[in-house]
Each structure stands twice: as C-alpha cells, then as structure tokens.
N, C-alpha and C. Protein backbone atom coordinates (compact mmCIF):
# COMPACT_ATOMS: atom_id res chain seq x y z
N MET A 1 0.82 -1.19 0.00
CA MET A 1 0.00 0.00 0.00
C MET A 1 0.86 1.25 0.00
N ASP A 2 1.91 1.27 0.84
CA ASP A 2 2.75 2.46 0.96
C ASP A 2 3.55 2.73 -0.31
N TYR A 3 4.11 1.68 -0.89
CA TYR A 3 5.01 1.87 -2.02
C TYR A 3 4.30 2.09 -3.35
N TYR A 4 3.16 1.45 -3.53
CA TYR A 4 2.52 1.48 -4.84
C TYR A 4 1.09 2.03 -4.82
N ALA A 5 0.75 2.77 -3.78
CA ALA A 5 -0.55 3.42 -3.66
C ALA A 5 -1.71 2.43 -3.86
N GLY A 6 -1.55 1.21 -3.36
CA GLY A 6 -2.62 0.23 -3.44
C GLY A 6 -2.79 -0.42 -4.79
N LYS A 7 -1.89 -0.15 -5.73
CA LYS A 7 -1.99 -0.72 -7.08
C LYS A 7 -0.96 -1.82 -7.26
N VAL A 8 -1.25 -2.75 -8.16
CA VAL A 8 -0.30 -3.79 -8.50
C VAL A 8 0.86 -3.14 -9.25
N PRO A 9 2.10 -3.47 -8.88
CA PRO A 9 3.26 -2.87 -9.57
C PRO A 9 3.21 -3.12 -11.07
N ALA A 10 3.77 -2.16 -11.81
CA ALA A 10 3.69 -2.20 -13.26
C ALA A 10 4.83 -2.97 -13.92
N THR A 11 5.94 -3.14 -13.22
CA THR A 11 7.08 -3.83 -13.82
C THR A 11 7.42 -5.10 -13.04
N MET A 12 8.12 -6.00 -13.70
CA MET A 12 8.54 -7.24 -13.06
C MET A 12 9.46 -6.95 -11.88
N GLU A 13 10.37 -5.99 -12.03
CA GLU A 13 11.29 -5.64 -10.94
C GLU A 13 10.53 -5.16 -9.71
N GLU A 14 9.51 -4.33 -9.92
CA GLU A 14 8.71 -3.84 -8.79
C GLU A 14 7.90 -4.96 -8.16
N LEU A 15 7.39 -5.86 -8.97
CA LEU A 15 6.62 -6.99 -8.46
C LEU A 15 7.49 -7.92 -7.62
N ILE A 16 8.69 -8.20 -8.10
CA ILE A 16 9.62 -9.05 -7.35
C ILE A 16 10.00 -8.38 -6.04
N LYS A 17 10.23 -7.08 -6.08
CA LYS A 17 10.56 -6.34 -4.86
C LYS A 17 9.41 -6.42 -3.86
N LEU A 18 8.20 -6.25 -4.34
CA LEU A 18 7.02 -6.31 -3.48
C LEU A 18 6.87 -7.69 -2.84
N LEU A 19 7.03 -8.73 -3.65
CA LEU A 19 6.91 -10.09 -3.13
C LEU A 19 8.00 -10.40 -2.11
N GLY A 20 9.21 -9.93 -2.39
CA GLY A 20 10.32 -10.13 -1.46
C GLY A 20 10.03 -9.46 -0.13
N ALA A 21 9.48 -8.26 -0.19
CA ALA A 21 9.15 -7.53 1.04
C ALA A 21 7.98 -8.20 1.77
N ALA A 22 6.97 -8.62 1.04
CA ALA A 22 5.77 -9.21 1.65
C ALA A 22 6.09 -10.52 2.36
N PHE A 23 6.97 -11.30 1.78
CA PHE A 23 7.30 -12.61 2.36
C PHE A 23 8.64 -12.62 3.07
N ASP A 24 9.24 -11.43 3.23
CA ASP A 24 10.50 -11.27 3.92
C ASP A 24 11.58 -12.20 3.35
N ILE A 25 11.67 -12.22 2.02
CA ILE A 25 12.66 -13.04 1.33
C ILE A 25 13.89 -12.18 1.07
N PRO A 26 15.05 -12.57 1.60
CA PRO A 26 16.25 -11.77 1.38
C PRO A 26 16.68 -11.86 -0.08
N GLY A 27 17.17 -10.77 -0.59
CA GLY A 27 17.67 -10.75 -1.96
C GLY A 27 18.03 -9.35 -2.38
N VAL A 28 18.87 -9.27 -3.39
CA VAL A 28 19.26 -8.00 -3.97
C VAL A 28 18.46 -7.82 -5.24
N VAL A 29 17.70 -6.74 -5.32
CA VAL A 29 16.95 -6.41 -6.52
C VAL A 29 17.86 -5.56 -7.40
N VAL A 30 18.13 -6.03 -8.61
CA VAL A 30 19.00 -5.28 -9.51
C VAL A 30 18.16 -4.70 -10.63
N ASP A 31 17.76 -3.44 -10.44
CA ASP A 31 17.06 -2.72 -11.51
C ASP A 31 18.09 -1.81 -12.19
N THR A 32 17.63 -0.91 -13.03
CA THR A 32 18.56 -0.04 -13.75
C THR A 32 19.36 0.86 -12.81
N HIS A 33 18.74 1.32 -11.73
CA HIS A 33 19.43 2.18 -10.77
C HIS A 33 20.51 1.40 -10.02
N VAL A 34 20.16 0.22 -9.54
CA VAL A 34 21.13 -0.60 -8.80
C VAL A 34 22.30 -0.98 -9.72
N LYS A 35 22.00 -1.33 -10.93
CA LYS A 35 23.06 -1.68 -11.89
C LYS A 35 23.99 -0.49 -12.12
N ARG A 36 23.42 0.65 -12.44
CA ARG A 36 24.21 1.84 -12.74
C ARG A 36 25.04 2.28 -11.55
N LEU A 37 24.43 2.35 -10.38
CA LEU A 37 25.15 2.82 -9.20
C LEU A 37 26.18 1.80 -8.71
N SER A 38 25.89 0.53 -8.84
CA SER A 38 26.87 -0.50 -8.46
C SER A 38 28.13 -0.40 -9.31
N LEU A 39 27.94 -0.14 -10.58
CA LEU A 39 29.09 0.06 -11.48
C LEU A 39 29.82 1.36 -11.13
N LYS A 40 29.07 2.42 -10.95
CA LYS A 40 29.64 3.74 -10.64
C LYS A 40 30.41 3.73 -9.32
N LEU A 41 29.90 3.01 -8.32
CA LEU A 41 30.53 2.96 -7.01
C LEU A 41 31.64 1.90 -6.91
N GLY A 42 31.84 1.16 -7.99
CA GLY A 42 32.89 0.15 -8.00
C GLY A 42 32.54 -1.11 -7.23
N LEU A 43 31.26 -1.37 -7.04
CA LEU A 43 30.82 -2.56 -6.32
C LEU A 43 30.84 -3.81 -7.20
N THR A 44 30.88 -3.60 -8.50
CA THR A 44 30.90 -4.68 -9.48
C THR A 44 31.54 -4.17 -10.76
N GLU A 45 31.98 -5.11 -11.57
CA GLU A 45 32.44 -4.79 -12.92
C GLU A 45 31.54 -5.47 -13.94
N ASN A 46 30.54 -6.17 -13.45
CA ASN A 46 29.64 -6.94 -14.31
C ASN A 46 28.50 -6.09 -14.85
N GLN A 47 28.02 -6.48 -16.01
CA GLN A 47 26.85 -5.84 -16.62
C GLN A 47 25.59 -6.69 -16.43
N ASN A 48 25.78 -7.98 -16.19
CA ASN A 48 24.68 -8.91 -16.05
C ASN A 48 24.05 -8.78 -14.67
N PRO A 49 22.72 -8.52 -14.60
CA PRO A 49 22.06 -8.33 -13.31
C PRO A 49 22.25 -9.50 -12.33
N ASP A 50 22.25 -10.74 -12.83
CA ASP A 50 22.44 -11.89 -11.94
C ASP A 50 23.84 -11.88 -11.32
N LYS A 51 24.83 -11.48 -12.09
CA LYS A 51 26.20 -11.41 -11.57
C LYS A 51 26.37 -10.23 -10.62
N ILE A 52 25.71 -9.12 -10.93
CA ILE A 52 25.73 -7.96 -10.03
C ILE A 52 25.11 -8.35 -8.69
N GLU A 53 24.00 -9.05 -8.74
CA GLU A 53 23.34 -9.52 -7.52
C GLU A 53 24.31 -10.32 -6.66
N LYS A 54 25.02 -11.26 -7.27
CA LYS A 54 25.96 -12.11 -6.53
C LYS A 54 27.12 -11.29 -5.97
N ASP A 55 27.61 -10.31 -6.74
CA ASP A 55 28.71 -9.46 -6.26
C ASP A 55 28.30 -8.67 -5.02
N ILE A 56 27.09 -8.11 -5.05
CA ILE A 56 26.61 -7.32 -3.91
C ILE A 56 26.36 -8.23 -2.71
N GLU A 57 25.81 -9.41 -2.96
CA GLU A 57 25.56 -10.35 -1.87
C GLU A 57 26.84 -10.71 -1.12
N LYS A 58 27.96 -10.75 -1.83
CA LYS A 58 29.25 -11.06 -1.19
C LYS A 58 29.73 -9.94 -0.28
N LEU A 59 29.24 -8.72 -0.52
CA LEU A 59 29.70 -7.55 0.24
C LEU A 59 28.93 -7.31 1.53
N LEU A 60 27.71 -7.84 1.60
CA LEU A 60 26.81 -7.51 2.71
C LEU A 60 26.24 -8.74 3.38
N PRO A 61 25.89 -8.62 4.66
CA PRO A 61 25.17 -9.72 5.29
C PRO A 61 23.77 -9.85 4.69
N GLU A 62 23.26 -11.04 4.69
CA GLU A 62 21.98 -11.35 4.05
C GLU A 62 20.84 -10.45 4.51
N ASP A 63 20.83 -10.08 5.78
CA ASP A 63 19.72 -9.27 6.28
C ASP A 63 19.77 -7.82 5.78
N ARG A 64 20.81 -7.45 5.06
CA ARG A 64 20.93 -6.09 4.52
C ARG A 64 20.69 -6.02 3.01
N TRP A 65 20.58 -7.15 2.35
CA TRP A 65 20.49 -7.17 0.89
C TRP A 65 19.33 -6.34 0.35
N ARG A 66 18.13 -6.62 0.82
CA ARG A 66 16.95 -5.94 0.26
C ARG A 66 16.97 -4.45 0.57
N ARG A 67 17.33 -4.08 1.78
CA ARG A 67 17.36 -2.66 2.15
C ARG A 67 18.42 -1.91 1.34
N PHE A 68 19.56 -2.55 1.11
CA PHE A 68 20.61 -1.92 0.31
C PHE A 68 20.11 -1.65 -1.11
N SER A 69 19.39 -2.61 -1.68
CA SER A 69 18.79 -2.40 -3.01
C SER A 69 17.86 -1.20 -2.98
N ASP A 70 17.02 -1.13 -1.96
CA ASP A 70 16.08 -0.01 -1.84
C ASP A 70 16.82 1.32 -1.78
N ILE A 71 17.89 1.37 -1.01
CA ILE A 71 18.66 2.61 -0.86
C ILE A 71 19.23 3.04 -2.21
N LEU A 72 19.83 2.09 -2.94
CA LEU A 72 20.38 2.45 -4.26
C LEU A 72 19.29 2.88 -5.22
N ILE A 73 18.15 2.21 -5.19
CA ILE A 73 17.05 2.58 -6.08
C ILE A 73 16.57 3.99 -5.77
N TYR A 74 16.32 4.29 -4.51
CA TYR A 74 15.85 5.63 -4.14
C TYR A 74 16.91 6.69 -4.44
N HIS A 75 18.16 6.39 -4.16
CA HIS A 75 19.24 7.35 -4.44
C HIS A 75 19.35 7.60 -5.95
N GLY A 76 19.21 6.54 -6.73
CA GLY A 76 19.28 6.67 -8.19
C GLY A 76 18.12 7.47 -8.76
N ARG A 77 16.96 7.33 -8.17
CA ARG A 77 15.78 8.08 -8.64
C ARG A 77 15.84 9.55 -8.24
N ALA A 78 16.27 9.81 -7.02
CA ALA A 78 16.16 11.16 -6.47
C ALA A 78 17.42 12.01 -6.62
N VAL A 79 18.59 11.39 -6.57
CA VAL A 79 19.83 12.18 -6.51
C VAL A 79 20.77 11.85 -7.66
N CYS A 80 21.16 10.61 -7.77
CA CYS A 80 22.16 10.22 -8.77
C CYS A 80 21.46 9.73 -10.03
N LYS A 81 20.81 10.65 -10.69
CA LYS A 81 20.06 10.33 -11.90
C LYS A 81 21.02 10.07 -13.05
N ALA A 82 20.63 9.19 -13.94
CA ALA A 82 21.51 8.77 -15.03
C ALA A 82 21.98 9.94 -15.90
N ARG A 83 21.08 10.80 -16.25
CA ARG A 83 21.44 11.90 -17.17
C ARG A 83 21.98 13.13 -16.48
N LYS A 84 21.56 13.36 -15.24
CA LYS A 84 22.01 14.56 -14.55
C LYS A 84 22.07 14.32 -13.04
N PRO A 85 23.19 13.74 -12.58
CA PRO A 85 23.32 13.53 -11.14
C PRO A 85 23.35 14.86 -10.39
N ASP A 86 22.70 14.90 -9.26
CA ASP A 86 22.65 16.11 -8.44
C ASP A 86 23.75 16.02 -7.37
N HIS A 87 24.98 16.34 -7.78
CA HIS A 87 26.12 16.19 -6.89
C HIS A 87 26.00 17.04 -5.63
N ALA A 88 25.34 18.17 -5.72
CA ALA A 88 25.20 19.06 -4.56
C ALA A 88 24.37 18.40 -3.45
N ARG A 89 23.45 17.50 -3.82
CA ARG A 89 22.59 16.82 -2.84
C ARG A 89 23.11 15.45 -2.45
N CYS A 90 24.19 15.02 -3.05
CA CYS A 90 24.67 13.65 -2.82
C CYS A 90 25.50 13.57 -1.53
N PRO A 91 25.04 12.77 -0.57
CA PRO A 91 25.76 12.66 0.70
C PRO A 91 27.06 11.88 0.60
N VAL A 92 27.26 11.15 -0.49
CA VAL A 92 28.49 10.37 -0.64
C VAL A 92 29.35 10.84 -1.81
N PHE A 93 29.06 12.01 -2.33
CA PHE A 93 29.77 12.50 -3.52
C PHE A 93 31.28 12.51 -3.32
N LYS A 94 31.76 12.98 -2.18
CA LYS A 94 33.20 13.07 -1.94
C LYS A 94 33.85 11.70 -1.82
N LEU A 95 33.07 10.69 -1.51
CA LEU A 95 33.59 9.32 -1.38
C LEU A 95 33.43 8.49 -2.65
N CYS A 96 32.66 9.00 -3.60
CA CYS A 96 32.33 8.26 -4.80
C CYS A 96 33.56 8.10 -5.69
N PRO A 97 33.92 6.86 -6.03
CA PRO A 97 35.09 6.64 -6.88
C PRO A 97 34.85 6.95 -8.35
N SER A 98 33.61 7.28 -8.69
CA SER A 98 33.28 7.57 -10.07
C SER A 98 33.94 8.87 -10.54
N THR A 99 34.42 8.84 -11.76
CA THR A 99 35.02 10.05 -12.34
C THR A 99 34.02 10.79 -13.21
N ASP A 100 32.79 10.31 -13.25
CA ASP A 100 31.74 10.95 -14.05
C ASP A 100 31.22 12.16 -13.32
N ILE A 101 31.64 13.33 -13.72
CA ILE A 101 31.24 14.58 -13.06
C ILE A 101 30.26 15.34 -13.96
N SER A 102 29.50 14.62 -14.75
CA SER A 102 28.54 15.30 -15.64
C SER A 102 27.33 15.75 -14.91
C-alpha cells in the first residue's frame, strides 16, 4: 500500500521487490538504478544483473540485501540520476570513486 498506492506494480522488478518484502525473502533487486550505481561505485564490474546480484551479496550480510537495493534505487531516482546527477545533494559525492562529473 505504501510503495505502490494500493496498485499492483507495473514492472517485473517492482513486483519481485514487493513479493520479497511481503514474504521477507532476502535478496538483492538489480534494476537499472542498482546496476548503474553499483558500477559507478565500484561494487561490481559486471553488466549482467544476476552477476551484479551475486557481487553485492558477497559484500553484505543477508539481512541487509533488500534494504541496500532499496537505498540504491531511491538514491538513483532522487539524486544520482543517469542523465544529470545532483552532486550538490549527494551525501556520498566526496567518497564516490566515479570520475563521471557530468
């Protein structure tokens, strides 16, 4: 109800995220934001979502996987947008290993 205003999610990624949350299933959701930010932050060198998922799972304890995905998704939507990252609002900008200053 909170995330999707009472509507069924429109994408497979959102539906999987919802089911994972509803049934408390640990996992890393790799959508376009998670993929892009994982590459940008140096968390993976892979392009394949399944491999990115495994790389992130190796970095974090299982109980943090889903929340970490949520954080990257929200950060990607609100701050670190693909076309125009808002560096002034980014709390980790000074720590970001990315050289993309566009």
